[in-house]
Amino acid sequence: MDIQSTPEKQILSTKRLVLCGMFASILCISAYLSIPTPLPMAPKITLMNFVIFLIALLFPVQESFLIGIVWFLLGIVGLPVFIGGGSGIGYLIAPYGAYTWAFPIVLLILPLIRGKNYNRLWYTICGIIGVLLIDVIGMLWLQHAAGYDLKTAFLTGFVPFIPLDLLKAIVVAQIIPAFKKVIEH
């Protein structure tokens, strides 16, 4: 039997791996594109959520999660790829850290629930589900880590972020067909 005539089944093509790497890089860069918030301890509002929703609604689950894990591991080992150039375990266990570790959860869940065929309404709902996952996980960790009561956590860790996060998710859900055309050719 000729070993060369039985190619191994490749999980991801070279083109798809390069595309995943490119989007992992875009995700890293998105942490630096930010708007400061008026809250004293709150992180900046970044384009990171926008890119997370784009990846989760565009890529199949294995690629979406791969992109997220590469980015997450880069941040854990100390590369400044989290919001505002943050990194490390200390960043993740700080009061606002859960917003960051909620991203890989969203990158796993949204591709699983959105389905393979684009539907504008369903993708919009999926984006909103992603927003709620990130902001609720973040708020609950903020409540725990900062010792806030639920009302304070809600007012400081949910209310200020939800309008813009919802807008980002809704916009991404509308532009997915244009991105699919570009990456599938």
N, C-alpha and C. Protein backbone atom coordinates (compact mmCIF):
# COMPACT_ATOMS: atom_id res chain seq x y z
N MET A 1 0.84 -1.18 0.00
CA MET A 1 0.00 0.00 0.00
C MET A 1 0.89 1.24 0.00
N ASP A 2 0.61 2.14 -0.89
CA ASP A 2 1.37 3.37 -1.02
C ASP A 2 0.88 4.39 0.01
N ILE A 3 1.74 4.76 0.92
CA ILE A 3 1.36 5.68 2.00
C ILE A 3 0.97 7.04 1.43
N GLN A 4 1.65 7.46 0.40
CA GLN A 4 1.36 8.78 -0.16
C GLN A 4 0.01 8.83 -0.85
N SER A 5 -0.54 7.71 -1.26
CA SER A 5 -1.81 7.74 -1.97
C SER A 5 -3.01 7.76 -1.03
N THR A 6 -2.77 7.70 0.28
CA THR A 6 -3.87 7.77 1.24
C THR A 6 -3.71 9.02 2.11
N PRO A 7 -4.13 10.16 1.57
CA PRO A 7 -3.96 11.40 2.34
C PRO A 7 -4.82 11.37 3.60
N GLU A 8 -4.24 11.92 4.67
CA GLU A 8 -5.00 12.04 5.90
C GLU A 8 -6.11 13.06 5.71
N LYS A 9 -7.21 12.83 6.39
CA LYS A 9 -8.29 13.80 6.32
C LYS A 9 -7.88 15.03 7.12
N GLN A 10 -7.80 16.14 6.44
CA GLN A 10 -7.39 17.38 7.07
C GLN A 10 -8.61 18.03 7.71
N ILE A 11 -8.51 18.37 8.99
CA ILE A 11 -9.64 18.96 9.71
C ILE A 11 -9.97 20.34 9.16
N LEU A 12 -8.96 21.18 9.01
CA LEU A 12 -9.14 22.51 8.44
C LEU A 12 -8.15 22.69 7.30
N SER A 13 -8.63 23.25 6.20
CA SER A 13 -7.73 23.51 5.08
C SER A 13 -6.78 24.64 5.45
N THR A 14 -5.73 24.76 4.71
CA THR A 14 -4.76 25.83 4.94
C THR A 14 -5.45 27.18 4.83
N LYS A 15 -6.32 27.33 3.85
CA LYS A 15 -7.05 28.59 3.66
C LYS A 15 -7.88 28.91 4.90
N ARG A 16 -8.57 27.92 5.46
CA ARG A 16 -9.42 28.16 6.64
C ARG A 16 -8.55 28.46 7.86
N LEU A 17 -7.40 27.80 8.00
CA LEU A 17 -6.49 28.10 9.12
C LEU A 17 -5.97 29.53 9.04
N VAL A 18 -5.62 29.96 7.84
CA VAL A 18 -5.15 31.33 7.65
C VAL A 18 -6.27 32.31 7.99
N LEU A 19 -7.47 32.01 7.55
CA LEU A 19 -8.62 32.85 7.85
C LEU A 19 -8.87 32.93 9.37
N CYS A 20 -8.76 31.79 10.04
CA CYS A 20 -8.90 31.77 11.51
C CYS A 20 -7.81 32.61 12.17
N GLY A 21 -6.59 32.48 11.68
CA GLY A 21 -5.49 33.28 12.22
C GLY A 21 -5.70 34.77 12.01
N MET A 22 -6.22 35.11 10.83
CA MET A 22 -6.49 36.51 10.54
C MET A 22 -7.55 37.06 11.49
N PHE A 23 -8.60 36.30 11.72
CA PHE A 23 -9.66 36.77 12.61
C PHE A 23 -9.20 36.77 14.07
N ALA A 24 -8.31 35.87 14.46
CA ALA A 24 -7.74 35.92 15.81
C ALA A 24 -6.94 37.21 15.97
N SER A 25 -6.22 37.60 14.91
CA SER A 25 -5.46 38.86 14.94
C SER A 25 -6.39 40.06 15.03
N ILE A 26 -7.46 40.04 14.26
CA ILE A 26 -8.44 41.13 14.30
C ILE A 26 -9.05 41.22 15.70
N LEU A 27 -9.33 40.08 16.30
CA LEU A 27 -9.87 40.06 17.66
C LEU A 27 -8.88 40.69 18.64
N CYS A 28 -7.60 40.38 18.50
CA CYS A 28 -6.58 40.98 19.36
C CYS A 28 -6.53 42.50 19.20
N ILE A 29 -6.57 42.96 17.97
CA ILE A 29 -6.51 44.40 17.68
C ILE A 29 -7.76 45.11 18.18
N SER A 30 -8.91 44.45 18.13
CA SER A 30 -10.17 45.09 18.52
C SER A 30 -10.18 45.51 19.99
N ALA A 31 -9.34 44.93 20.81
CA ALA A 31 -9.27 45.30 22.23
C ALA A 31 -8.74 46.71 22.41
N TYR A 32 -8.04 47.23 21.41
CA TYR A 32 -7.44 48.56 21.51
C TYR A 32 -8.32 49.66 20.92
N LEU A 33 -9.34 49.29 20.17
CA LEU A 33 -10.24 50.28 19.59
C LEU A 33 -11.36 50.51 20.59
N SER A 34 -11.24 51.59 21.38
CA SER A 34 -12.14 51.73 22.51
C SER A 34 -12.64 53.15 22.74
N ILE A 35 -13.71 53.21 23.52
CA ILE A 35 -14.32 54.46 23.97
C ILE A 35 -14.31 54.40 25.50
N PRO A 36 -13.76 55.40 26.18
CA PRO A 36 -13.76 55.35 27.64
C PRO A 36 -15.18 55.47 28.20
N THR A 37 -15.42 54.88 29.36
CA THR A 37 -16.72 54.99 30.02
C THR A 37 -16.60 55.95 31.21
N PRO A 38 -17.71 56.55 31.60
CA PRO A 38 -17.66 57.48 32.74
C PRO A 38 -17.56 56.78 34.10
N LEU A 39 -17.73 55.46 34.11
CA LEU A 39 -17.68 54.72 35.38
C LEU A 39 -16.24 54.59 35.85
N PRO A 40 -15.98 54.82 37.13
CA PRO A 40 -14.60 54.85 37.61
C PRO A 40 -13.83 53.54 37.43
N MET A 41 -14.45 52.38 37.67
CA MET A 41 -13.72 51.12 37.57
C MET A 41 -14.07 50.33 36.32
N ALA A 42 -15.00 50.81 35.53
CA ALA A 42 -15.47 50.05 34.38
C ALA A 42 -14.44 50.08 33.26
N PRO A 43 -14.32 48.98 32.53
CA PRO A 43 -13.42 48.98 31.38
C PRO A 43 -13.98 49.84 30.26
N LYS A 44 -13.16 50.04 29.27
CA LYS A 44 -13.58 50.81 28.11
C LYS A 44 -14.54 49.99 27.25
N ILE A 45 -15.35 50.68 26.49
CA ILE A 45 -16.21 50.02 25.51
C ILE A 45 -15.37 49.83 24.26
N THR A 46 -15.25 48.59 23.82
CA THR A 46 -14.38 48.30 22.68
C THR A 46 -15.18 47.70 21.53
N LEU A 47 -14.48 47.51 20.43
CA LEU A 47 -15.07 46.81 19.29
C LEU A 47 -14.97 45.30 19.45
N MET A 48 -14.47 44.86 20.60
CA MET A 48 -14.27 43.44 20.82
C MET A 48 -15.58 42.65 20.71
N ASN A 49 -16.64 43.13 21.32
CA ASN A 49 -17.92 42.44 21.23
C ASN A 49 -18.36 42.32 19.76
N PHE A 50 -18.18 43.40 19.01
CA PHE A 50 -18.53 43.39 17.59
C PHE A 50 -17.82 42.25 16.87
N VAL A 51 -16.51 42.14 17.10
CA VAL A 51 -15.71 41.10 16.45
C VAL A 51 -16.09 39.72 16.96
N ILE A 52 -16.37 39.60 18.25
CA ILE A 52 -16.81 38.31 18.81
C ILE A 52 -18.10 37.85 18.12
N PHE A 53 -19.07 38.76 18.00
CA PHE A 53 -20.33 38.39 17.35
C PHE A 53 -20.12 38.06 15.87
N LEU A 54 -19.23 38.80 15.22
CA LEU A 54 -18.92 38.53 13.82
C LEU A 54 -18.36 37.12 13.66
N ILE A 55 -17.41 36.76 14.49
CA ILE A 55 -16.80 35.43 14.43
C ILE A 55 -17.84 34.35 14.74
N ALA A 56 -18.60 34.55 15.81
CA ALA A 56 -19.58 33.54 16.25
C ALA A 56 -20.70 33.32 15.24
N LEU A 57 -21.07 34.36 14.51
CA LEU A 57 -22.17 34.24 13.55
C LEU A 57 -21.67 33.90 12.14
N LEU A 58 -20.37 33.96 11.94
CA LEU A 58 -19.80 33.73 10.61
C LEU A 58 -19.16 32.35 10.46
N PHE A 59 -18.45 31.90 11.48
CA PHE A 59 -17.67 30.68 11.37
C PHE A 59 -18.40 29.48 11.96
N PRO A 60 -18.09 28.27 11.46
CA PRO A 60 -18.61 27.06 12.11
C PRO A 60 -18.02 26.95 13.52
N VAL A 61 -18.66 26.15 14.35
CA VAL A 61 -18.31 26.09 15.77
C VAL A 61 -16.84 25.78 16.02
N GLN A 62 -16.26 24.82 15.32
CA GLN A 62 -14.87 24.47 15.59
C GLN A 62 -13.92 25.62 15.25
N GLU A 63 -14.19 26.35 14.20
CA GLU A 63 -13.34 27.48 13.83
C GLU A 63 -13.57 28.67 14.75
N SER A 64 -14.80 28.93 15.08
CA SER A 64 -15.14 30.02 15.99
C SER A 64 -14.45 29.81 17.34
N PHE A 65 -14.58 28.61 17.86
CA PHE A 65 -13.98 28.31 19.16
C PHE A 65 -12.45 28.32 19.08
N LEU A 66 -11.88 27.83 17.97
CA LEU A 66 -10.43 27.86 17.78
C LEU A 66 -9.91 29.30 17.81
N ILE A 67 -10.58 30.19 17.11
CA ILE A 67 -10.19 31.60 17.09
C ILE A 67 -10.22 32.16 18.51
N GLY A 68 -11.30 31.87 19.22
CA GLY A 68 -11.44 32.38 20.58
C GLY A 68 -10.41 31.82 21.54
N ILE A 69 -10.12 30.53 21.42
CA ILE A 69 -9.15 29.91 22.32
C ILE A 69 -7.74 30.42 22.05
N VAL A 70 -7.38 30.60 20.78
CA VAL A 70 -6.06 31.16 20.45
C VAL A 70 -5.92 32.54 21.09
N TRP A 71 -6.92 33.39 20.89
CA TRP A 71 -6.89 34.74 21.48
C TRP A 71 -6.82 34.67 23.01
N PHE A 72 -7.65 33.82 23.61
CA PHE A 72 -7.73 33.70 25.06
C PHE A 72 -6.40 33.21 25.65
N LEU A 73 -5.81 32.20 25.03
CA LEU A 73 -4.53 31.67 25.52
C LEU A 73 -3.40 32.70 25.37
N LEU A 74 -3.44 33.46 24.29
CA LEU A 74 -2.45 34.54 24.13
C LEU A 74 -2.55 35.53 25.30
N GLY A 75 -3.77 35.85 25.68
CA GLY A 75 -3.98 36.76 26.81
C GLY A 75 -3.57 36.16 28.13
N ILE A 76 -3.86 34.90 28.33
CA ILE A 76 -3.51 34.24 29.59
C ILE A 76 -1.99 34.21 29.79
N VAL A 77 -1.24 33.94 28.72
CA VAL A 77 0.22 33.86 28.86
C VAL A 77 0.90 35.22 28.92
N GLY A 78 0.12 36.28 28.82
CA GLY A 78 0.69 37.60 29.04
C GLY A 78 0.73 38.56 27.87
N LEU A 79 0.30 38.13 26.70
CA LEU A 79 0.26 39.08 25.59
C LEU A 79 -0.92 40.03 25.81
N PRO A 80 -0.74 41.30 25.57
CA PRO A 80 -1.78 42.29 25.89
C PRO A 80 -2.93 42.33 24.87
N VAL A 81 -3.76 41.30 24.86
CA VAL A 81 -4.82 41.19 23.87
C VAL A 81 -6.22 41.33 24.46
N PHE A 82 -6.31 41.52 25.78
CA PHE A 82 -7.61 41.74 26.39
C PHE A 82 -7.93 43.23 26.33
N ILE A 83 -9.10 43.61 26.75
CA ILE A 83 -9.57 44.99 26.67
C ILE A 83 -8.54 45.95 27.26
N GLY A 84 -8.21 46.97 26.47
CA GLY A 84 -7.26 47.99 26.92
C GLY A 84 -5.84 47.50 27.06
N GLY A 85 -5.51 46.36 26.47
CA GLY A 85 -4.15 45.82 26.56
C GLY A 85 -3.92 44.99 27.81
N GLY A 86 -5.00 44.55 28.45
CA GLY A 86 -4.86 43.71 29.63
C GLY A 86 -4.42 42.30 29.26
N SER A 87 -3.93 41.58 30.27
CA SER A 87 -3.53 40.19 30.05
C SER A 87 -3.38 39.49 31.40
N GLY A 88 -3.24 38.19 31.34
CA GLY A 88 -2.94 37.39 32.52
C GLY A 88 -4.16 36.96 33.33
N ILE A 89 -3.89 36.03 34.23
CA ILE A 89 -4.94 35.49 35.10
C ILE A 89 -5.50 36.58 36.01
N GLY A 90 -4.64 37.46 36.49
CA GLY A 90 -5.10 38.54 37.36
C GLY A 90 -6.17 39.39 36.70
N TYR A 91 -6.00 39.64 35.41
CA TYR A 91 -6.99 40.41 34.66
C TYR A 91 -8.33 39.67 34.64
N LEU A 92 -8.27 38.35 34.46
CA LEU A 92 -9.49 37.55 34.33
C LEU A 92 -10.25 37.39 35.65
N ILE A 93 -9.55 37.46 36.77
CA ILE A 93 -10.25 37.31 38.05
C ILE A 93 -10.59 38.65 38.69
N ALA A 94 -10.18 39.74 38.05
CA ALA A 94 -10.55 41.07 38.53
C ALA A 94 -12.06 41.25 38.38
N PRO A 95 -12.64 42.25 39.03
CA PRO A 95 -14.10 42.40 38.99
C PRO A 95 -14.72 42.43 37.59
N TYR A 96 -14.04 43.03 36.62
CA TYR A 96 -14.61 43.08 35.26
C TYR A 96 -14.06 41.98 34.35
N GLY A 97 -13.33 41.03 34.89
CA GLY A 97 -12.71 39.98 34.09
C GLY A 97 -13.66 39.01 33.43
N ALA A 98 -14.82 38.77 34.01
CA ALA A 98 -15.74 37.78 33.45
C ALA A 98 -16.30 38.18 32.10
N TYR A 99 -16.34 39.47 31.81
CA TYR A 99 -16.79 39.87 30.47
C TYR A 99 -15.85 39.28 29.44
N THR A 100 -14.57 39.20 29.77
CA THR A 100 -13.57 38.64 28.86
C THR A 100 -13.69 37.12 28.78
N TRP A 101 -13.81 36.43 29.93
CA TRP A 101 -13.88 34.97 29.81
C TRP A 101 -15.24 34.48 29.37
N ALA A 102 -16.20 35.38 29.22
CA ALA A 102 -17.49 35.00 28.63
C ALA A 102 -17.39 34.92 27.10
N PHE A 103 -16.39 35.57 26.51
CA PHE A 103 -16.26 35.55 25.06
C PHE A 103 -16.09 34.15 24.47
N PRO A 104 -15.17 33.32 24.99
CA PRO A 104 -15.08 31.96 24.43
C PRO A 104 -16.37 31.15 24.60
N ILE A 105 -17.12 31.42 25.65
CA ILE A 105 -18.41 30.74 25.84
C ILE A 105 -19.36 31.10 24.70
N VAL A 106 -19.41 32.38 24.38
CA VAL A 106 -20.26 32.86 23.28
C VAL A 106 -19.76 32.31 21.94
N LEU A 107 -18.45 32.22 21.78
CA LEU A 107 -17.88 31.69 20.53
C LEU A 107 -18.16 30.20 20.36
N LEU A 108 -18.52 29.54 21.42
CA LEU A 108 -18.92 28.14 21.35
C LEU A 108 -20.44 27.99 21.19
N ILE A 109 -21.19 28.74 21.96
CA ILE A 109 -22.65 28.58 21.98
C ILE A 109 -23.34 29.14 20.73
N LEU A 110 -22.99 30.35 20.31
CA LEU A 110 -23.71 30.96 19.18
C LEU A 110 -23.62 30.15 17.89
N PRO A 111 -22.44 29.65 17.51
CA PRO A 111 -22.42 28.84 16.29
C PRO A 111 -23.25 27.55 16.40
N LEU A 112 -23.40 27.05 17.61
CA LEU A 112 -24.21 25.84 17.81
C LEU A 112 -25.70 26.12 17.65
N ILE A 113 -26.15 27.28 18.11
CA ILE A 113 -27.60 27.56 18.06
C ILE A 113 -28.05 28.29 16.80
N ARG A 114 -27.15 28.94 16.08
CA ARG A 114 -27.57 29.76 14.94
C ARG A 114 -27.96 28.94 13.71
N GLY A 115 -27.46 27.73 13.61
CA GLY A 115 -27.75 26.91 12.43
C GLY A 115 -26.81 27.24 11.29
N LYS A 116 -26.96 26.48 10.21
CA LYS A 116 -26.04 26.65 9.07
C LYS A 116 -26.55 27.65 8.05
N ASN A 117 -27.85 27.80 7.94
CA ASN A 117 -28.42 28.70 6.94
C ASN A 117 -28.77 30.04 7.57
N TYR A 118 -28.35 31.10 6.89
CA TYR A 118 -28.58 32.44 7.40
C TYR A 118 -30.06 32.79 7.41
N ASN A 119 -30.49 33.32 8.53
CA ASN A 119 -31.83 33.87 8.68
C ASN A 119 -31.67 35.14 9.49
N ARG A 120 -31.96 36.27 8.89
CA ARG A 120 -31.70 37.57 9.50
C ARG A 120 -32.31 37.70 10.90
N LEU A 121 -33.55 37.32 11.05
CA LEU A 121 -34.21 37.44 12.35
C LEU A 121 -33.56 36.52 13.38
N TRP A 122 -33.31 35.26 13.01
CA TRP A 122 -32.72 34.32 13.96
C TRP A 122 -31.30 34.71 14.33
N TYR A 123 -30.52 35.19 13.37
CA TYR A 123 -29.16 35.63 13.67
C TYR A 123 -29.18 36.85 14.59
N THR A 124 -30.15 37.72 14.40
CA THR A 124 -30.30 38.88 15.29
C THR A 124 -30.62 38.41 16.70
N ILE A 125 -31.53 37.46 16.83
CA ILE A 125 -31.87 36.90 18.14
C ILE A 125 -30.64 36.23 18.76
N CYS A 126 -29.89 35.50 17.96
CA CYS A 126 -28.67 34.85 18.47
C CYS A 126 -27.67 35.89 18.97
N GLY A 127 -27.53 36.99 18.23
CA GLY A 127 -26.65 38.07 18.68
C GLY A 127 -27.10 38.63 20.02
N ILE A 128 -28.40 38.81 20.17
CA ILE A 128 -28.94 39.31 21.44
C ILE A 128 -28.69 38.30 22.56
N ILE A 129 -28.83 37.03 22.26
CA ILE A 129 -28.52 35.99 23.25
C ILE A 129 -27.05 36.10 23.67
N GLY A 130 -26.17 36.32 22.70
CA GLY A 130 -24.75 36.49 22.99
C GLY A 130 -24.49 37.68 23.90
N VAL A 131 -25.17 38.80 23.62
CA VAL A 131 -25.03 39.99 24.47
C VAL A 131 -25.45 39.66 25.90
N LEU A 132 -26.59 39.02 26.03
CA LEU A 132 -27.09 38.69 27.36
C LEU A 132 -26.14 37.74 28.09
N LEU A 133 -25.60 36.76 27.38
CA LEU A 133 -24.64 35.85 28.01
C LEU A 133 -23.43 36.61 28.55
N ILE A 134 -22.84 37.45 27.71
CA ILE A 134 -21.65 38.19 28.12
C ILE A 134 -21.96 39.13 29.28
N ASP A 135 -23.02 39.92 29.14
CA ASP A 135 -23.29 40.94 30.14
C ASP A 135 -23.83 40.37 31.44
N VAL A 136 -24.58 39.27 31.39
CA VAL A 136 -25.06 38.65 32.63
C VAL A 136 -23.91 37.94 33.35
N ILE A 137 -23.10 37.18 32.61
CA ILE A 137 -21.94 36.52 33.24
C ILE A 137 -21.02 37.57 33.85
N GLY A 138 -20.74 38.62 33.09
CA GLY A 138 -19.89 39.68 33.60
C GLY A 138 -20.47 40.36 34.83
N MET A 139 -21.75 40.64 34.79
CA MET A 139 -22.42 41.31 35.92
C MET A 139 -22.39 40.43 37.17
N LEU A 140 -22.67 39.14 37.00
CA LEU A 140 -22.69 38.24 38.15
C LEU A 140 -21.31 38.09 38.77
N TRP A 141 -20.27 38.02 37.94
CA TRP A 141 -18.92 37.96 38.49
C TRP A 141 -18.56 39.28 39.16
N LEU A 142 -18.94 40.38 38.56
CA LEU A 142 -18.71 41.69 39.16
C LEU A 142 -19.36 41.75 40.54
N GLN A 143 -20.58 41.27 40.64
CA GLN A 143 -21.28 41.25 41.93
C GLN A 143 -20.47 40.47 42.96
N HIS A 144 -20.01 39.30 42.55
CA HIS A 144 -19.24 38.44 43.46
C HIS A 144 -17.87 39.05 43.81
N ALA A 145 -17.12 39.43 42.79
CA ALA A 145 -15.74 39.89 42.99
C ALA A 145 -15.66 41.23 43.71
N ALA A 146 -16.63 42.11 43.45
CA ALA A 146 -16.60 43.44 44.07
C ALA A 146 -17.44 43.49 45.35
N GLY A 147 -18.16 42.43 45.64
CA GLY A 147 -18.99 42.40 46.83
C GLY A 147 -20.22 43.29 46.73
N TYR A 148 -20.68 43.51 45.49
CA TYR A 148 -21.87 44.35 45.28
C TYR A 148 -23.14 43.56 45.55
N ASP A 149 -24.21 44.29 45.87
CA ASP A 149 -25.52 43.65 45.87
C ASP A 149 -25.97 43.58 44.41
N LEU A 150 -27.03 42.84 44.15
CA LEU A 150 -27.47 42.62 42.76
C LEU A 150 -27.86 43.93 42.08
N LYS A 151 -28.50 44.83 42.79
CA LYS A 151 -28.91 46.11 42.19
C LYS A 151 -27.69 46.92 41.75
N THR A 152 -26.69 47.01 42.60
CA THR A 152 -25.48 47.75 42.26
C THR A 152 -24.76 47.11 41.09
N ALA A 153 -24.66 45.79 41.11
CA ALA A 153 -24.03 45.08 39.99
C ALA A 153 -24.79 45.31 38.70
N PHE A 154 -26.10 45.28 38.77
CA PHE A 154 -26.94 45.51 37.59
C PHE A 154 -26.74 46.92 37.04
N LEU A 155 -26.71 47.90 37.94
CA LEU A 155 -26.59 49.30 37.51
C LEU A 155 -25.19 49.66 37.03
N THR A 156 -24.17 48.97 37.52
CA THR A 156 -22.81 49.29 37.10
C THR A 156 -22.24 48.30 36.09
N GLY A 157 -22.75 47.06 36.08
CA GLY A 157 -22.18 46.04 35.22
C GLY A 157 -23.06 45.54 34.10
N PHE A 158 -24.28 46.06 34.01
CA PHE A 158 -25.18 45.61 32.96
C PHE A 158 -25.76 46.80 32.20
N VAL A 159 -26.43 47.69 32.92
CA VAL A 159 -27.14 48.82 32.31
C VAL A 159 -26.24 49.67 31.42
N PRO A 160 -25.02 50.04 31.84
CA PRO A 160 -24.21 50.91 30.99
C PRO A 160 -23.76 50.25 29.68
N PHE A 161 -23.67 48.95 29.67
CA PHE A 161 -23.11 48.25 28.51
C PHE A 161 -24.16 47.74 27.52
N ILE A 162 -25.35 47.44 28.02
CA ILE A 162 -26.35 46.75 27.21
C ILE A 162 -26.76 47.50 25.94
N PRO A 163 -27.00 48.81 25.97
CA PRO A 163 -27.45 49.46 24.73
C PRO A 163 -26.46 49.34 23.57
N LEU A 164 -25.20 49.66 23.84
CA LEU A 164 -24.21 49.60 22.77
C LEU A 164 -23.89 48.16 22.37
N ASP A 165 -23.88 47.26 23.34
CA ASP A 165 -23.64 45.84 23.01
C ASP A 165 -24.76 45.30 22.13
N LEU A 166 -26.00 45.66 22.43
CA LEU A 166 -27.13 45.22 21.60
C LEU A 166 -27.00 45.79 20.19
N LEU A 167 -26.63 47.05 20.09
CA LEU A 167 -26.45 47.67 18.77
C LEU A 167 -25.38 46.94 17.97
N LYS A 168 -24.25 46.62 18.60
CA LYS A 168 -23.18 45.89 17.91
C LYS A 168 -23.69 44.55 17.40
N ALA A 169 -24.39 43.81 18.25
CA ALA A 169 -24.87 42.47 17.87
C ALA A 169 -25.89 42.56 16.73
N ILE A 170 -26.76 43.53 16.78
CA ILE A 170 -27.78 43.68 15.74
C ILE A 170 -27.14 44.06 14.41
N VAL A 171 -26.18 44.96 14.44
CA VAL A 171 -25.49 45.36 13.20
C VAL A 171 -24.75 44.16 12.61
N VAL A 172 -24.04 43.42 13.44
CA VAL A 172 -23.30 42.25 12.94
C VAL A 172 -24.25 41.25 12.29
N ALA A 173 -25.39 40.99 12.90
CA ALA A 173 -26.35 40.03 12.34
C ALA A 173 -26.81 40.44 10.94
N GLN A 174 -26.83 41.73 10.67
CA GLN A 174 -27.28 42.22 9.37
C GLN A 174 -26.20 42.12 8.30
N ILE A 175 -24.94 42.16 8.69
CA ILE A 175 -23.85 42.19 7.70
C ILE A 175 -23.22 40.82 7.44
N ILE A 176 -23.69 39.80 8.11
CA ILE A 176 -23.13 38.45 7.92
C ILE A 176 -23.16 37.99 6.46
N PRO A 177 -24.26 38.20 5.71
CA PRO A 177 -24.25 37.74 4.31
C PRO A 177 -23.11 38.34 3.48
N ALA A 178 -22.80 39.60 3.69
CA ALA A 178 -21.71 40.24 2.95
C ALA A 178 -20.37 39.60 3.30
N PHE A 179 -20.15 39.31 4.58
CA PHE A 179 -18.91 38.66 5.00
C PHE A 179 -18.83 37.23 4.47
N LYS A 180 -19.96 36.53 4.45
CA LYS A 180 -19.96 35.15 3.93
C LYS A 180 -19.54 35.13 2.46
N LYS A 181 -20.02 36.08 1.69
CA LYS A 181 -19.65 36.15 0.29
C LYS A 181 -18.14 36.31 0.12
N VAL A 182 -17.56 37.15 0.95
CA VAL A 182 -16.12 37.43 0.86
C VAL A 182 -15.29 36.23 1.28
N ILE A 183 -15.61 35.61 2.41
CA ILE A 183 -14.74 34.53 2.90
C ILE A 183 -14.98 33.19 2.23
N GLU A 184 -16.10 33.01 1.58
CA GLU A 184 -16.37 31.74 0.94
C GLU A 184 -15.89 31.69 -0.51
N HIS A 185 -15.30 32.76 -0.98
CA HIS A 185 -14.77 32.76 -2.35
C HIS A 185 -13.28 32.75 -2.35
